Amino acid sequence: MIKGTTKNGFHYEIKENVGDDYELLKLLRKLEDNGLLIFDVVEKMLGAKQAENLEKFLLKRDGYVSTEKISKEVMEIFTGNPLLKNS
């Protein structure tokens, strides 16, 4: 498992192979054309429980769950962790 914390303070734990997950990469590619896929990306990457935790984290922080901010958190997790870059 890869553990980390985003710049905003969200703690996460994801599987080592998430950076090599073909289905996740397909979703990320399609996300630009269909923003609603963010729900699938978040759950595929973090799992249902952590996706819920991320929503609660952003809700506490801002009073609502911004899709832009949730996207930024997910992209930071995916691109900001050196262990994922090497997978």
N, C-alpha and C. Protein backbone atom coordinates (compact mmCIF):
# COMPACT_ATOMS: atom_id res chain seq x y z
N MET A 1 0.83 -1.18 0.00
CA MET A 1 0.00 0.00 0.00
C MET A 1 0.88 1.24 0.00
N ILE A 2 0.40 2.25 -0.69
CA ILE A 2 1.06 3.54 -0.73
C ILE A 2 0.25 4.50 0.14
N LYS A 3 0.93 5.10 1.10
CA LYS A 3 0.27 6.06 1.98
C LYS A 3 0.82 7.44 1.68
N GLY A 4 -0.04 8.43 1.80
CA GLY A 4 0.40 9.79 1.56
C GLY A 4 -0.60 10.79 2.10
N THR A 5 -0.24 12.04 1.95
CA THR A 5 -1.09 13.16 2.36
C THR A 5 -1.00 14.23 1.29
N THR A 6 -2.15 14.75 0.87
CA THR A 6 -2.15 15.82 -0.12
C THR A 6 -1.73 17.13 0.55
N LYS A 7 -1.45 18.13 -0.27
CA LYS A 7 -1.05 19.44 0.26
C LYS A 7 -2.12 20.04 1.16
N ASN A 8 -3.38 19.70 0.89
CA ASN A 8 -4.49 20.22 1.71
C ASN A 8 -4.71 19.42 2.99
N GLY A 9 -4.00 18.28 3.14
CA GLY A 9 -4.08 17.52 4.38
C GLY A 9 -4.93 16.27 4.34
N PHE A 10 -5.37 15.85 3.15
CA PHE A 10 -6.14 14.61 3.05
C PHE A 10 -5.19 13.41 3.08
N HIS A 11 -5.40 12.52 4.03
CA HIS A 11 -4.59 11.31 4.16
C HIS A 11 -5.23 10.20 3.34
N TYR A 12 -4.41 9.51 2.56
CA TYR A 12 -4.93 8.43 1.72
C TYR A 12 -4.02 7.22 1.77
N GLU A 13 -4.58 6.11 1.35
CA GLU A 13 -3.86 4.85 1.24
C GLU A 13 -4.41 4.14 0.01
N ILE A 14 -3.54 3.89 -0.96
CA ILE A 14 -3.98 3.25 -2.19
C ILE A 14 -3.07 2.07 -2.54
N LYS A 15 -3.58 1.20 -3.37
CA LYS A 15 -2.81 0.04 -3.80
C LYS A 15 -1.66 0.48 -4.69
N GLU A 16 -0.57 -0.25 -4.61
CA GLU A 16 0.62 0.07 -5.38
C GLU A 16 0.37 0.05 -6.89
N ASN A 17 -0.52 -0.80 -7.34
CA ASN A 17 -0.72 -0.97 -8.78
C ASN A 17 -1.72 0.01 -9.38
N VAL A 18 -2.20 0.99 -8.61
CA VAL A 18 -3.20 1.91 -9.14
C VAL A 18 -2.65 2.70 -10.34
N GLY A 19 -1.39 3.00 -10.35
CA GLY A 19 -0.79 3.72 -11.47
C GLY A 19 -0.67 2.90 -12.73
N ASP A 20 -0.88 1.61 -12.60
CA ASP A 20 -0.79 0.69 -13.74
C ASP A 20 -2.15 0.09 -14.07
N ASP A 21 -3.21 0.67 -13.53
CA ASP A 21 -4.57 0.14 -13.73
C ASP A 21 -5.12 0.67 -15.05
N TYR A 22 -5.27 -0.21 -16.01
CA TYR A 22 -5.72 0.16 -17.35
C TYR A 22 -7.08 0.83 -17.33
N GLU A 23 -8.01 0.28 -16.55
CA GLU A 23 -9.35 0.86 -16.49
C GLU A 23 -9.33 2.28 -15.92
N LEU A 24 -8.51 2.50 -14.90
CA LEU A 24 -8.39 3.84 -14.32
C LEU A 24 -7.80 4.81 -15.33
N LEU A 25 -6.79 4.38 -16.06
CA LEU A 25 -6.18 5.26 -17.06
C LEU A 25 -7.17 5.60 -18.17
N LYS A 26 -8.01 4.65 -18.57
CA LYS A 26 -9.05 4.92 -19.56
C LYS A 26 -10.03 5.97 -19.03
N LEU A 27 -10.42 5.82 -17.77
CA LEU A 27 -11.33 6.79 -17.16
C LEU A 27 -10.71 8.18 -17.13
N LEU A 28 -9.45 8.27 -16.76
CA LEU A 28 -8.77 9.56 -16.70
C LEU A 28 -8.71 10.20 -18.08
N ARG A 29 -8.48 9.40 -19.10
CA ARG A 29 -8.42 9.91 -20.47
C ARG A 29 -9.78 10.48 -20.90
N LYS A 30 -10.85 9.82 -20.51
CA LYS A 30 -12.21 10.23 -20.90
C LYS A 30 -12.75 11.36 -20.02
N LEU A 31 -12.12 11.59 -18.89
CA LEU A 31 -12.61 12.58 -17.92
C LEU A 31 -12.70 13.98 -18.52
N GLU A 32 -11.77 14.34 -19.37
CA GLU A 32 -11.77 15.68 -19.96
C GLU A 32 -13.04 15.92 -20.79
N ASP A 33 -13.51 14.90 -21.46
CA ASP A 33 -14.71 15.03 -22.29
C ASP A 33 -16.00 14.85 -21.50
N ASN A 34 -15.93 14.14 -20.38
CA ASN A 34 -17.12 13.85 -19.60
C ASN A 34 -16.79 14.01 -18.11
N GLY A 35 -17.02 15.19 -17.59
CA GLY A 35 -16.68 15.49 -16.20
C GLY A 35 -17.40 14.63 -15.18
N LEU A 36 -18.53 14.03 -15.58
CA LEU A 36 -19.26 13.17 -14.65
C LEU A 36 -18.50 11.89 -14.30
N LEU A 37 -17.48 11.58 -15.09
CA LEU A 37 -16.68 10.39 -14.80
C LEU A 37 -15.82 10.56 -13.55
N ILE A 38 -15.78 11.78 -12.99
CA ILE A 38 -15.00 12.00 -11.77
C ILE A 38 -15.45 11.07 -10.66
N PHE A 39 -16.75 10.77 -10.61
CA PHE A 39 -17.26 9.86 -9.59
C PHE A 39 -16.61 8.48 -9.73
N ASP A 40 -16.52 8.00 -10.95
CA ASP A 40 -15.92 6.69 -11.22
C ASP A 40 -14.42 6.69 -10.95
N VAL A 41 -13.76 7.79 -11.33
CA VAL A 41 -12.32 7.89 -11.13
C VAL A 41 -11.99 7.86 -9.64
N VAL A 42 -12.70 8.66 -8.86
CA VAL A 42 -12.44 8.74 -7.42
C VAL A 42 -12.64 7.38 -6.76
N GLU A 43 -13.75 6.73 -7.08
CA GLU A 43 -14.03 5.44 -6.46
C GLU A 43 -13.07 4.35 -6.93
N LYS A 44 -12.69 4.36 -8.20
CA LYS A 44 -11.76 3.37 -8.73
C LYS A 44 -10.38 3.54 -8.10
N MET A 45 -10.00 4.76 -7.89
CA MET A 45 -8.67 5.05 -7.36
C MET A 45 -8.59 4.85 -5.86
N LEU A 46 -9.57 5.35 -5.13
CA LEU A 46 -9.51 5.34 -3.67
C LEU A 46 -10.33 4.25 -3.01
N GLY A 47 -11.31 3.70 -3.73
CA GLY A 47 -12.25 2.78 -3.11
C GLY A 47 -13.40 3.57 -2.50
N ALA A 48 -14.49 2.89 -2.23
CA ALA A 48 -15.72 3.55 -1.78
C ALA A 48 -15.53 4.29 -0.45
N LYS A 49 -14.88 3.67 0.52
CA LYS A 49 -14.73 4.27 1.85
C LYS A 49 -13.87 5.54 1.80
N GLN A 50 -12.73 5.46 1.12
CA GLN A 50 -11.87 6.64 1.05
C GLN A 50 -12.47 7.74 0.18
N ALA A 51 -13.24 7.37 -0.83
CA ALA A 51 -13.94 8.37 -1.64
C ALA A 51 -14.90 9.15 -0.75
N GLU A 52 -15.60 8.43 0.11
CA GLU A 52 -16.50 9.07 1.07
C GLU A 52 -15.72 9.96 2.04
N ASN A 53 -14.55 9.47 2.48
CA ASN A 53 -13.71 10.26 3.39
C ASN A 53 -13.23 11.55 2.72
N LEU A 54 -12.90 11.47 1.43
CA LEU A 54 -12.47 12.66 0.70
C LEU A 54 -13.61 13.67 0.60
N GLU A 55 -14.81 13.18 0.33
CA GLU A 55 -15.98 14.06 0.29
C GLU A 55 -16.18 14.76 1.64
N LYS A 56 -16.10 14.01 2.72
CA LYS A 56 -16.27 14.58 4.06
C LYS A 56 -15.17 15.58 4.37
N PHE A 57 -13.95 15.27 3.95
CA PHE A 57 -12.81 16.16 4.17
C PHE A 57 -13.05 17.50 3.49
N LEU A 58 -13.48 17.47 2.24
CA LEU A 58 -13.71 18.71 1.51
C LEU A 58 -14.95 19.44 2.02
N LEU A 59 -15.94 18.70 2.47
CA LEU A 59 -17.15 19.30 3.02
C LEU A 59 -16.82 20.09 4.28
N LYS A 60 -16.01 19.49 5.15
CA LYS A 60 -15.61 20.18 6.38
C LYS A 60 -14.79 21.42 6.06
N ARG A 61 -13.94 21.30 5.09
CA ARG A 61 -13.01 22.36 4.75
C ARG A 61 -13.72 23.56 4.11
N ASP A 62 -14.65 23.29 3.19
CA ASP A 62 -15.26 24.36 2.40
C ASP A 62 -16.76 24.52 2.60
N GLY A 63 -17.41 23.59 3.26
CA GLY A 63 -18.85 23.68 3.44
C GLY A 63 -19.65 23.01 2.34
N TYR A 64 -19.00 22.62 1.28
CA TYR A 64 -19.61 21.84 0.20
C TYR A 64 -18.51 21.09 -0.52
N VAL A 65 -18.89 20.15 -1.34
CA VAL A 65 -17.88 19.35 -2.05
C VAL A 65 -17.76 19.89 -3.47
N SER A 66 -16.70 20.60 -3.72
CA SER A 66 -16.42 21.17 -5.03
C SER A 66 -15.86 20.09 -5.95
N THR A 67 -16.47 19.93 -7.11
CA THR A 67 -15.95 18.94 -8.07
C THR A 67 -14.56 19.33 -8.55
N GLU A 68 -14.31 20.62 -8.65
CA GLU A 68 -12.99 21.08 -9.06
C GLU A 68 -11.93 20.69 -8.02
N LYS A 69 -12.27 20.88 -6.75
CA LYS A 69 -11.30 20.57 -5.70
C LYS A 69 -11.11 19.06 -5.54
N ILE A 70 -12.17 18.30 -5.70
CA ILE A 70 -12.02 16.85 -5.59
C ILE A 70 -11.16 16.34 -6.75
N SER A 71 -11.33 16.94 -7.92
CA SER A 71 -10.50 16.57 -9.07
C SER A 71 -9.03 16.89 -8.82
N LYS A 72 -8.78 18.06 -8.24
CA LYS A 72 -7.40 18.45 -7.94
C LYS A 72 -6.75 17.51 -6.92
N GLU A 73 -7.52 17.12 -5.90
CA GLU A 73 -6.99 16.19 -4.90
C GLU A 73 -6.61 14.86 -5.55
N VAL A 74 -7.51 14.35 -6.39
CA VAL A 74 -7.27 13.07 -7.05
C VAL A 74 -6.06 13.15 -7.97
N MET A 75 -5.96 14.22 -8.74
CA MET A 75 -4.82 14.36 -9.64
C MET A 75 -3.52 14.53 -8.86
N GLU A 76 -3.58 15.21 -7.73
CA GLU A 76 -2.38 15.34 -6.90
C GLU A 76 -1.94 13.98 -6.37
N ILE A 77 -2.89 13.18 -5.94
CA ILE A 77 -2.56 11.83 -5.47
C ILE A 77 -1.92 11.03 -6.60
N PHE A 78 -2.52 11.11 -7.77
CA PHE A 78 -2.05 10.30 -8.90
C PHE A 78 -0.71 10.77 -9.44
N THR A 79 -0.50 12.07 -9.54
CA THR A 79 0.73 12.58 -10.16
C THR A 79 1.78 13.01 -9.15
N GLY A 80 1.39 13.24 -7.92
CA GLY A 80 2.31 13.80 -6.94
C GLY A 80 3.06 12.78 -6.11
N ASN A 81 2.73 11.51 -6.26
CA ASN A 81 3.39 10.49 -5.46
C ASN A 81 4.45 9.78 -6.29
N PRO A 82 5.72 9.88 -5.90
CA PRO A 82 6.79 9.27 -6.71
C PRO A 82 6.64 7.76 -6.89
N LEU A 83 6.02 7.09 -5.93
CA LEU A 83 5.82 5.64 -6.07
C LEU A 83 4.84 5.31 -7.18
N LEU A 84 3.87 6.18 -7.43
CA LEU A 84 2.92 5.96 -8.51
C LEU A 84 3.53 6.31 -9.86
N LYS A 85 4.40 7.28 -9.88
CA LYS A 85 5.04 7.68 -11.15
C LYS A 85 5.87 6.55 -11.72
N ASN A 86 6.41 5.70 -10.85
CA ASN A 86 7.28 4.63 -11.30
C ASN A 86 6.53 3.36 -11.67
N SER A 87 5.21 3.34 -11.49
CA SER A 87 4.49 2.10 -11.78
C SER A 87 4.10 2.02 -13.24
